[in-house]
PDB file of all heavy atoms in Angstrom:
ATOM      1  N   SER A   1      11.556  -9.189-100.104  1.00  0.00           N
ATOM      2  CA  SER A   1      11.530 -10.180 -99.029  1.00  0.00           C
ATOM      3  C   SER A   1      11.136  -9.523 -97.744  1.00  0.00           C
ATOM      4  O   SER A   1      11.463  -8.343 -97.518  1.00  0.00           O
ATOM      5  CB  SER A   1      12.904 -10.862 -98.894  1.00  0.00           C
ATOM      6  OG  SER A   1      13.276 -11.512-100.092  1.00  0.00           O
ATOM      7  N   GLU A   2      10.453 -10.238 -96.858  1.00  0.00           N
ATOM      8  CA  GLU A   2      10.046  -9.737 -95.590  1.00  0.00           C
ATOM      9  C   GLU A   2      10.298 -10.745 -94.512  1.00  0.00           C
ATOM     10  O   GLU A   2      10.197 -11.946 -94.734  1.00  0.00           O
ATOM     11  CB  GLU A   2       8.612  -9.249 -95.570  1.00  0.00           C
ATOM     12  CG  GLU A   2       7.599 -10.343 -95.745  1.00  0.00           C
ATOM     13  CD  GLU A   2       6.136  -9.830 -95.690  1.00  0.00           C
ATOM     14  OE1 GLU A   2       5.943  -8.595 -95.657  1.00  0.00           O
ATOM     15  OE2 GLU A   2       5.230 -10.685 -95.698  1.00  0.00           O
ATOM     16  N   LEU A   3      10.602 -10.257 -93.311  1.00  0.00           N
ATOM     17  CA  LEU A   3      10.731 -11.114 -92.164  1.00  0.00           C
ATOM     18  C   LEU A   3       9.375 -11.222 -91.458  1.00  0.00           C
ATOM     19  O   LEU A   3       8.800 -10.194 -91.111  1.00  0.00           O
ATOM     20  CB  LEU A   3      11.792 -10.560 -91.185  1.00  0.00           C
ATOM     21  CG  LEU A   3      11.984 -11.324 -89.897  1.00  0.00           C
ATOM     22  CD1 LEU A   3      12.618 -12.684 -90.167  1.00  0.00           C
ATOM     23  CD2 LEU A   3      12.871 -10.528 -88.901  1.00  0.00           C
ATOM     24  N   ALA A   4       8.940 -12.431 -91.257  1.00  0.00           N
ATOM     25  CA  ALA A   4       7.663 -12.655 -90.476  1.00  0.00           C
ATOM     26  C   ALA A   4       8.000 -13.247 -89.157  1.00  0.00           C
ATOM     27  O   ALA A   4       8.720 -14.266 -89.079  1.00  0.00           O
ATOM     28  CB  ALA A   4       6.759 -13.611 -91.271  1.00  0.00           C
ATOM     29  N   VAL A   5       7.547 -12.623 -88.075  1.00  0.00           N
ATOM     30  CA  VAL A   5       7.822 -13.107 -86.727  1.00  0.00           C
ATOM     31  C   VAL A   5       6.486 -13.314 -86.038  1.00  0.00           C
ATOM     32  O   VAL A   5       5.629 -12.438 -86.006  1.00  0.00           O
ATOM     33  CB  VAL A   5       8.628 -12.064 -85.929  1.00  0.00           C
ATOM     34  CG1 VAL A   5       8.957 -12.621 -84.537  1.00  0.00           C
ATOM     35  CG2 VAL A   5       9.903 -11.679 -86.656  1.00  0.00           C
ATOM     36  N   SER A   6       6.277 -14.478 -85.475  1.00  0.00           N
ATOM     37  CA  SER A   6       5.077 -14.782 -84.690  1.00  0.00           C
ATOM     38  C   SER A   6       5.430 -14.932 -83.228  1.00  0.00           C
ATOM     39  O   SER A   6       6.471 -15.528 -82.900  1.00  0.00           O
ATOM     40  CB  SER A   6       4.383 -16.010 -85.204  1.00  0.00           C
ATOM     41  OG  SER A   6       5.194 -17.159 -85.038  1.00  0.00           O
ATOM     42  N   CYS A   7       4.615 -14.384 -82.341  1.00  0.00           N
ATOM     43  CA  CYS A   7       4.870 -14.397 -80.898  1.00  0.00           C
ATOM     44  C   CYS A   7       3.644 -14.832 -80.166  1.00  0.00           C
ATOM     45  O   CYS A   7       2.510 -14.705 -80.615  1.00  0.00           O
ATOM     46  CB  CYS A   7       5.241 -12.984 -80.424  1.00  0.00           C
ATOM     47  SG  CYS A   7       6.653 -12.240 -81.257  1.00  0.00           S
ATOM     48  N   THR A   8       3.869 -15.383 -78.985  1.00  0.00           N
ATOM     49  CA  THR A   8       2.785 -15.725 -78.053  1.00  0.00           C
ATOM     50  C   THR A   8       2.715 -14.649 -76.999  1.00  0.00           C
ATOM     51  O   THR A   8       3.724 -14.371 -76.330  1.00  0.00           O
ATOM     52  CB  THR A   8       3.016 -17.097 -77.402  1.00  0.00           C
ATOM     53  OG1 THR A   8       3.026 -18.098 -78.428  1.00  0.00           O
ATOM     54  CG2 THR A   8       1.910 -17.406 -76.407  1.00  0.00           C
ATOM     55  N   ILE A   9       1.539 -14.065 -76.838  1.00  0.00           N
ATOM     56  CA  ILE A   9       1.359 -13.014 -75.838  1.00  0.00           C
ATOM     57  C   ILE A   9       1.060 -13.679 -74.510  1.00  0.00           C
ATOM     58  O   ILE A   9       0.217 -14.571 -74.416  1.00  0.00           O
ATOM     59  CB  ILE A   9       0.204 -12.072 -76.237  1.00  0.00           C
ATOM     60  CG1 ILE A   9       0.472 -11.441 -77.614  1.00  0.00           C
ATOM     61  CG2 ILE A   9      -0.013 -10.984 -75.209  1.00  0.00           C
ATOM     62  CD1 ILE A   9      -0.658 -10.621 -78.162  1.00  0.00           C
ATOM     63  N   GLN A  10       1.748 -13.275 -73.478  1.00  0.00           N
ATOM     64  CA  GLN A  10       1.680 -13.939 -72.184  1.00  0.00           C
ATOM     65  C   GLN A  10       0.325 -13.826 -71.555  1.00  0.00           C
ATOM     66  O   GLN A  10      -0.190 -14.781 -70.947  1.00  0.00           O
ATOM     67  CB  GLN A  10       2.759 -13.368 -71.250  1.00  0.00           C
ATOM     68  CG  GLN A  10       4.184 -13.714 -71.674  1.00  0.00           C
ATOM     69  CD  GLN A  10       5.225 -12.996 -70.882  1.00  0.00           C
ATOM     70  OE1 GLN A  10       4.921 -12.287 -69.914  1.00  0.00           O
ATOM     71  NE2 GLN A  10       6.507 -13.125 -71.278  1.00  0.00           N
ATOM     72  N   ASN A  11      -0.361 -12.658 -71.710  1.00  0.00           N
ATOM     73  CA  ASN A  11      -1.707 -12.448 -71.171  1.00  0.00           C
ATOM     74  C   ASN A  11      -2.599 -12.071 -72.352  1.00  0.00           C
ATOM     75  O   ASN A  11      -2.382 -11.049 -72.967  1.00  0.00           O
ATOM     76  CB  ASN A  11      -1.728 -11.383 -70.133  1.00  0.00           C
ATOM     77  CG  ASN A  11      -0.782 -11.665 -68.933  1.00  0.00           C
ATOM     78  OD1 ASN A  11       0.172 -10.959 -68.736  1.00  0.00           O
ATOM     79  ND2 ASN A  11      -1.056 -12.732 -68.216  1.00  0.00           N
ATOM     80  N   ALA A  12      -3.604 -12.911 -72.640  1.00  0.00           N
ATOM     81  CA  ALA A  12      -4.439 -12.712 -73.793  1.00  0.00           C
ATOM     82  C   ALA A  12      -5.074 -11.300 -73.805  1.00  0.00           C
ATOM     83  O   ALA A  12      -5.530 -10.781 -72.773  1.00  0.00           O
ATOM     84  CB  ALA A  12      -5.581 -13.738 -73.826  1.00  0.00           C
ATOM     85  N   LEU A  13      -5.050 -10.662 -74.991  1.00  0.00           N
ATOM     86  CA  LEU A  13      -5.564  -9.322 -75.137  1.00  0.00           C
ATOM     87  C   LEU A  13      -7.096  -9.336 -75.126  1.00  0.00           C
ATOM     88  O   LEU A  13      -7.685 -10.262 -75.715  1.00  0.00           O
ATOM     89  CB  LEU A  13      -5.045  -8.711 -76.444  1.00  0.00           C
ATOM     90  CG  LEU A  13      -3.513  -8.603 -76.574  1.00  0.00           C
ATOM     91  CD1 LEU A  13      -3.184  -8.015 -77.951  1.00  0.00           C
ATOM     92  CD2 LEU A  13      -2.931  -7.758 -75.453  1.00  0.00           C
ATOM     93  N   PRO A  14      -7.740  -8.359 -74.591  1.00  0.00           N
ATOM     94  CA  PRO A  14      -9.208  -8.283 -74.559  1.00  0.00           C
ATOM     95  C   PRO A  14      -9.820  -7.875 -75.895  1.00  0.00           C
ATOM     96  O   PRO A  14     -11.023  -7.995 -76.095  1.00  0.00           O
ATOM     97  CB  PRO A  14      -9.495  -7.238 -73.481  1.00  0.00           C
ATOM     98  CG  PRO A  14      -8.309  -6.354 -73.480  1.00  0.00           C
ATOM     99  CD  PRO A  14      -7.145  -7.228 -73.832  1.00  0.00           C
ATOM    100  N   ALA A  15      -8.984  -7.368 -76.805  1.00  0.00           N
ATOM    101  CA  ALA A  15      -9.500  -6.954 -78.145  1.00  0.00           C
ATOM    102  C   ALA A  15      -8.329  -7.032 -79.157  1.00  0.00           C
ATOM    103  O   ALA A  15      -7.197  -6.846 -78.792  1.00  0.00           O
ATOM    104  CB  ALA A  15     -10.077  -5.540 -78.097  1.00  0.00           C
ATOM    105  N   ALA A  16      -8.729  -7.330 -80.385  1.00  0.00           N
ATOM    106  CA  ALA A  16      -7.738  -7.405 -81.452  1.00  0.00           C
ATOM    107  C   ALA A  16      -7.456  -6.034 -82.055  1.00  0.00           C
ATOM    108  O   ALA A  16      -8.319  -5.138 -82.024  1.00  0.00           O
ATOM    109  CB  ALA A  16      -8.253  -8.351 -82.560  1.00  0.00           C
ATOM    110  N   PHE A  17      -6.254  -5.847 -82.571  1.00  0.00           N
ATOM    111  CA  PHE A  17      -5.909  -4.603 -83.256  1.00  0.00           C
ATOM    112  C   PHE A  17      -4.794  -4.860 -84.240  1.00  0.00           C
ATOM    113  O   PHE A  17      -4.096  -5.864 -84.146  1.00  0.00           O
ATOM    114  CB  PHE A  17      -5.522  -3.505 -82.254  1.00  0.00           C
ATOM    115  CG  PHE A  17      -4.169  -3.687 -81.633  1.00  0.00           C
ATOM    116  CD1 PHE A  17      -3.024  -3.103 -82.173  1.00  0.00           C
ATOM    117  CD2 PHE A  17      -3.995  -4.481 -80.512  1.00  0.00           C
ATOM    118  CE1 PHE A  17      -1.778  -3.289 -81.608  1.00  0.00           C
ATOM    119  CE2 PHE A  17      -2.755  -4.660 -79.929  1.00  0.00           C
ATOM    120  CZ  PHE A  17      -1.621  -4.090 -80.486  1.00  0.00           C
ATOM    121  N   SER A  18      -4.648  -3.964 -85.165  1.00  0.00           N
ATOM    122  CA  SER A  18      -3.502  -4.001 -86.090  1.00  0.00           C
ATOM    123  C   SER A  18      -2.955  -2.602 -86.239  1.00  0.00           C
ATOM    124  O   SER A  18      -3.680  -1.604 -86.074  1.00  0.00           O
ATOM    125  CB  SER A  18      -3.907  -4.562 -87.456  1.00  0.00           C
ATOM    126  OG  SER A  18      -4.901  -3.736 -88.042  1.00  0.00           O
ATOM    127  N   SER A  19      -1.674  -2.524 -86.569  1.00  0.00           N
ATOM    128  CA  SER A  19      -1.016  -1.197 -86.708  1.00  0.00           C
ATOM    129  C   SER A  19       0.123  -1.318 -87.685  1.00  0.00           C
ATOM    130  O   SER A  19       0.756  -2.369 -87.832  1.00  0.00           O
ATOM    131  CB  SER A  19      -0.507  -0.743 -85.327  1.00  0.00           C
ATOM    132  OG  SER A  19       0.065   0.557 -85.410  1.00  0.00           O
ATOM    133  N   LYS A  20       0.422  -0.206 -88.396  1.00  0.00           N
ATOM    134  CA  LYS A  20       1.519  -0.227 -89.344  1.00  0.00           C
ATOM    135  C   LYS A  20       2.055   1.137 -89.568  1.00  0.00           C
ATOM    136  O   LYS A  20       1.406   2.171 -89.297  1.00  0.00           O
ATOM    137  CB  LYS A  20       1.062  -0.818 -90.687  1.00  0.00           C
ATOM    138  CG  LYS A  20       0.012   0.013 -91.422  1.00  0.00           C
ATOM    139  CD  LYS A  20      -0.354  -0.630 -92.749  1.00  0.00           C
ATOM    140  CE  LYS A  20      -1.410   0.205 -93.494  1.00  0.00           C
ATOM    141  NZ  LYS A  20      -1.771  -0.378 -94.786  1.00  0.00           N
ATOM    142  N   ASN A  21       3.286   1.207 -90.068  1.00  0.00           N
ATOM    143  CA  ASN A  21       3.872   2.413 -90.555  1.00  0.00           C
ATOM    144  C   ASN A  21       4.571   2.108 -91.876  1.00  0.00           C
ATOM    145  O   ASN A  21       4.287   1.071 -92.502  1.00  0.00           O
ATOM    146  CB  ASN A  21       4.794   3.097 -89.538  1.00  0.00           C
ATOM    147  CG  ASN A  21       6.021   2.300 -89.213  1.00  0.00           C
ATOM    148  OD1 ASN A  21       6.313   1.256 -89.804  1.00  0.00           O
ATOM    149  ND2 ASN A  21       6.814   2.769 -88.252  1.00  0.00           N
ATOM    150  N   ASN A  22       5.529   2.899 -92.301  1.00  0.00           N
ATOM    151  CA  ASN A  22       6.216   2.639 -93.549  1.00  0.00           C
ATOM    152  C   ASN A  22       7.070   1.386 -93.528  1.00  0.00           C
ATOM    153  O   ASN A  22       7.468   0.879 -94.604  1.00  0.00           O
ATOM    154  CB  ASN A  22       7.071   3.837 -93.948  1.00  0.00           C
ATOM    155  CG  ASN A  22       6.230   5.070 -94.339  1.00  0.00           C
ATOM    156  OD1 ASN A  22       5.108   4.913 -94.745  1.00  0.00           O
ATOM    157  ND2 ASN A  22       6.794   6.225 -94.163  1.00  0.00           N
ATOM    158  N   TRP A  23       7.449   0.909 -92.309  1.00  0.00           N
ATOM    159  CA  TRP A  23       8.393  -0.196 -92.263  1.00  0.00           C
ATOM    160  C   TRP A  23       7.791  -1.428 -91.537  1.00  0.00           C
ATOM    161  O   TRP A  23       8.191  -2.562 -91.873  1.00  0.00           O
ATOM    162  CB  TRP A  23       9.642   0.249 -91.459  1.00  0.00           C
ATOM    163  CG  TRP A  23      10.404   1.291 -92.191  1.00  0.00           C
ATOM    164  CD1 TRP A  23      10.495   2.600 -91.892  1.00  0.00           C
ATOM    165  CD2 TRP A  23      11.206   1.119 -93.355  1.00  0.00           C
ATOM    166  NE1 TRP A  23      11.305   3.263 -92.782  1.00  0.00           N
ATOM    167  CE2 TRP A  23      11.771   2.376 -93.710  1.00  0.00           C
ATOM    168  CE3 TRP A  23      11.544  -0.017 -94.127  1.00  0.00           C
ATOM    169  CZ2 TRP A  23      12.620   2.563 -94.761  1.00  0.00           C
ATOM    170  CZ3 TRP A  23      12.400   0.188 -95.219  1.00  0.00           C
ATOM    171  CH2 TRP A  23      12.924   1.460 -95.525  1.00  0.00           C
ATOM    172  N   PHE A  24       6.888  -1.245 -90.637  1.00  0.00           N
ATOM    173  CA  PHE A  24       6.474  -2.342 -89.746  1.00  0.00           C
ATOM    174  C   PHE A  24       4.969  -2.546 -89.888  1.00  0.00           C
ATOM    175  O   PHE A  24       4.219  -1.632 -90.039  1.00  0.00           O
ATOM    176  CB  PHE A  24       6.792  -2.062 -88.293  1.00  0.00           C
ATOM    177  CG  PHE A  24       8.220  -1.666 -88.057  1.00  0.00           C
ATOM    178  CD1 PHE A  24       8.543  -0.544 -87.311  1.00  0.00           C
ATOM    179  CD2 PHE A  24       9.271  -2.462 -88.543  1.00  0.00           C
ATOM    180  CE1 PHE A  24       9.858  -0.186 -87.059  1.00  0.00           C
ATOM    181  CE2 PHE A  24      10.590  -2.079 -88.307  1.00  0.00           C
ATOM    182  CZ  PHE A  24      10.864  -0.955 -87.574  1.00  0.00           C
ATOM    183  N   TYR A  25       4.590  -3.837 -89.756  1.00  0.00           N
ATOM    184  CA  TYR A  25       3.156  -4.166 -89.698  1.00  0.00           C
ATOM    185  C   TYR A  25       2.984  -5.137 -88.532  1.00  0.00           C
ATOM    186  O   TYR A  25       3.744  -6.083 -88.361  1.00  0.00           O
ATOM    187  CB  TYR A  25       2.688  -4.833 -90.997  1.00  0.00           C
ATOM    188  CG  TYR A  25       1.240  -5.335 -90.918  1.00  0.00           C
ATOM    189  CD1 TYR A  25       0.184  -4.459 -91.036  1.00  0.00           C
ATOM    190  CD2 TYR A  25       0.963  -6.658 -90.657  1.00  0.00           C
ATOM    191  CE1 TYR A  25      -1.120  -4.908 -90.938  1.00  0.00           C
ATOM    192  CE2 TYR A  25      -0.299  -7.144 -90.521  1.00  0.00           C
ATOM    193  CZ  TYR A  25      -1.382  -6.251 -90.684  1.00  0.00           C
ATOM    194  OH  TYR A  25      -2.640  -6.693 -90.552  1.00  0.00           O
ATOM    195  N   LEU A  26       1.952  -4.884 -87.741  1.00  0.00           N
ATOM    196  CA  LEU A  26       1.645  -5.741 -86.585  1.00  0.00           C
ATOM    197  C   LEU A  26       0.162  -6.084 -86.539  1.00  0.00           C
ATOM    198  O   LEU A  26      -0.690  -5.206 -86.784  1.00  0.00           O
ATOM    199  CB  LEU A  26       1.982  -4.968 -85.277  1.00  0.00           C
ATOM    200  CG  LEU A  26       1.406  -5.531 -83.975  1.00  0.00           C
ATOM    201  CD1 LEU A  26       2.043  -6.889 -83.660  1.00  0.00           C
ATOM    202  CD2 LEU A  26       1.631  -4.566 -82.828  1.00  0.00           C
ATOM    203  N   LYS A  27      -0.116  -7.318 -86.283  1.00  0.00           N
ATOM    204  CA  LYS A  27      -1.487  -7.763 -86.043  1.00  0.00           C
ATOM    205  C   LYS A  27      -1.490  -8.579 -84.747  1.00  0.00           C
ATOM    206  O   LYS A  27      -0.693  -9.504 -84.601  1.00  0.00           O
ATOM    207  CB  LYS A  27      -2.004  -8.610 -87.195  1.00  0.00           C
ATOM    208  CG  LYS A  27      -3.468  -9.113 -87.027  1.00  0.00           C
ATOM    209  CD  LYS A  27      -3.882  -9.942 -88.230  1.00  0.00           C
ATOM    210  CE  LYS A  27      -5.336 -10.403 -88.064  1.00  0.00           C
ATOM    211  NZ  LYS A  27      -5.779 -11.218 -89.237  1.00  0.00           N
ATOM    212  N   ALA A  28      -2.366  -8.186 -83.823  1.00  0.00           N
ATOM    213  CA  ALA A  28      -2.395  -8.876 -82.509  1.00  0.00           C
ATOM    214  C   ALA A  28      -3.824  -9.214 -82.140  1.00  0.00           C
ATOM    215  O   ALA A  28      -4.727  -8.389 -82.274  1.00  0.00           O
ATOM    216  CB  ALA A  28      -1.751  -8.013 -81.430  1.00  0.00           C
ATOM    217  N   ALA A  29      -4.033 -10.451 -81.708  1.00  0.00           N
ATOM    218  CA  ALA A  29      -5.371 -10.881 -81.297  1.00  0.00           C
ATOM    219  C   ALA A  29      -5.221 -12.034 -80.310  1.00  0.00           C
ATOM    220  O   ALA A  29      -4.366 -12.902 -80.481  1.00  0.00           O
ATOM    221  CB  ALA A  29      -6.204 -11.323 -82.493  1.00  0.00           C
ATOM    222  N   ASN A  30      -6.037 -11.982 -79.244  1.00  0.00           N
ATOM    223  CA  ASN A  30      -5.979 -13.027 -78.224  1.00  0.00           C
ATOM    224  C   ASN A  30      -4.562 -13.183 -77.674  1.00  0.00           C
ATOM    225  O   ASN A  30      -4.015 -12.262 -77.136  1.00  0.00           O
ATOM    226  CB  ASN A  30      -6.557 -14.334 -78.771  1.00  0.00           C
ATOM    227  CG  ASN A  30      -8.014 -14.200 -79.181  1.00  0.00           C
ATOM    228  OD1 ASN A  30      -8.793 -13.580 -78.439  1.00  0.00           O
ATOM    229  ND2 ASN A  30      -8.373 -14.731 -80.329  1.00  0.00           N
ATOM    230  N   SER A  31      -3.970 -14.341 -77.908  1.00  0.00           N
ATOM    231  CA  SER A  31      -2.641 -14.624 -77.407  1.00  0.00           C
ATOM    232  C   SER A  31      -1.560 -14.688 -78.471  1.00  0.00           C
ATOM    233  O   SER A  31      -0.498 -15.267 -78.247  1.00  0.00           O
ATOM    234  CB  SER A  31      -2.640 -15.930 -76.602  1.00  0.00           C
ATOM    235  OG  SER A  31      -3.487 -15.861 -75.469  1.00  0.00           O
ATOM    236  N   ARG A  32      -1.841 -14.080 -79.612  1.00  0.00           N
ATOM    237  CA  ARG A  32      -0.890 -14.168 -80.725  1.00  0.00           C
ATOM    238  C   ARG A  32      -0.611 -12.779 -81.300  1.00  0.00           C
ATOM    239  O   ARG A  32      -1.538 -11.971 -81.488  1.00  0.00           O
ATOM    240  CB  ARG A  32      -1.388 -15.109 -81.779  1.00  0.00           C
ATOM    241  CG  ARG A  32      -0.480 -15.132 -83.029  1.00  0.00           C
ATOM    242  CD  ARG A  32      -0.742 -16.294 -83.942  1.00  0.00           C
ATOM    243  NE  ARG A  32       0.070 -16.250 -85.133  1.00  0.00           N
ATOM    244  CZ  ARG A  32       0.366 -17.279 -85.866  1.00  0.00           C
ATOM    245  NH1 ARG A  32      -0.067 -18.469 -85.556  1.00  0.00           N
ATOM    246  NH2 ARG A  32       1.124 -17.133 -86.961  1.00  0.00           N
ATOM    247  N   ALA A  33       0.633 -12.550 -81.634  1.00  0.00           N
ATOM    248  CA  ALA A  33       1.035 -11.319 -82.334  1.00  0.00           C
ATOM    249  C   ALA A  33       1.892 -11.710 -83.512  1.00  0.00           C
ATOM    250  O   ALA A  33       2.796 -12.550 -83.416  1.00  0.00           O
ATOM    251  CB  ALA A  33       1.783 -10.380 -81.419  1.00  0.00           C
ATOM    252  N   ASP A  34       1.641 -11.071 -84.674  1.00  0.00           N
ATOM    253  CA  ASP A  34       2.382 -11.333 -85.887  1.00  0.00           C
ATOM    254  C   ASP A  34       2.995 -10.038 -86.420  1.00  0.00           C
ATOM    255  O   ASP A  34       2.281  -9.057 -86.569  1.00  0.00           O
ATOM    256  CB  ASP A  34       1.510 -11.978 -86.949  1.00  0.00           C
ATOM    257  CG  ASP A  34       1.061 -13.384 -86.588  1.00  0.00           C
ATOM    258  OD1 ASP A  34       1.904 -14.262 -86.606  1.00  0.00           O
ATOM    259  OD2 ASP A  34      -0.124 -13.536 -86.258  1.00  0.00           O
ATOM    260  N   PHE A  35       4.293 -10.065 -86.608  1.00  0.00           N
ATOM    261  CA  PHE A  35       5.033  -8.908 -87.145  1.00  0.00           C
ATOM    262  C   PHE A  35       5.488  -9.241 -88.576  1.00  0.00           C
ATOM    263  O   PHE A  35       5.865 -10.348 -88.884  1.00  0.00           O
ATOM    264  CB  PHE A  35       6.298  -8.615 -86.331  1.00  0.00           C
ATOM    265  CG  PHE A  35       6.040  -8.245 -84.889  1.00  0.00           C
ATOM    266  CD1 PHE A  35       5.829  -9.211 -83.936  1.00  0.00           C
ATOM    267  CD2 PHE A  35       5.984  -6.919 -84.516  1.00  0.00           C
ATOM    268  CE1 PHE A  35       5.622  -8.873 -82.594  1.00  0.00           C
ATOM    269  CE2 PHE A  35       5.746  -6.569 -83.176  1.00  0.00           C
ATOM    270  CZ  PHE A  35       5.583  -7.557 -82.231  1.00  0.00           C
ATOM    271  N   ARG A  36       5.444  -8.204 -89.439  1.00  0.00           N
ATOM    272  CA  ARG A  36       6.019  -8.348 -90.796  1.00  0.00           C
ATOM    273  C   ARG A  36       6.874  -7.106 -91.059  1.00  0.00           C
ATOM    274  O   ARG A  36       6.441  -5.991 -90.883  1.00  0.00           O
ATOM    275  CB  ARG A  36       4.924  -8.458 -91.831  1.00  0.00           C
ATOM    276  CG  ARG A  36       4.064  -9.737 -91.704  1.00  0.00           C
ATOM    277  CD  ARG A  36       3.526 -10.201 -93.065  1.00  0.00           C
ATOM    278  NE  ARG A  36       2.949  -9.131 -93.816  1.00  0.00           N
ATOM    279  CZ  ARG A  36       1.636  -8.840 -93.796  1.00  0.00           C
ATOM    280  NH1 ARG A  36       0.815  -9.548 -93.040  1.00  0.00           N
ATOM    281  NH2 ARG A  36       1.174  -7.849 -94.536  1.00  0.00           N
TER     282      ARG A  36
END
């Protein structure tokens, strides 16, 4: 099971990116960020 959290970024990002390690995954683009 995984926890999925979606967020609204207050100031839209100028470029999309994603990042992860052994425990966390993040995807951020424009005004949205998603954590797993």
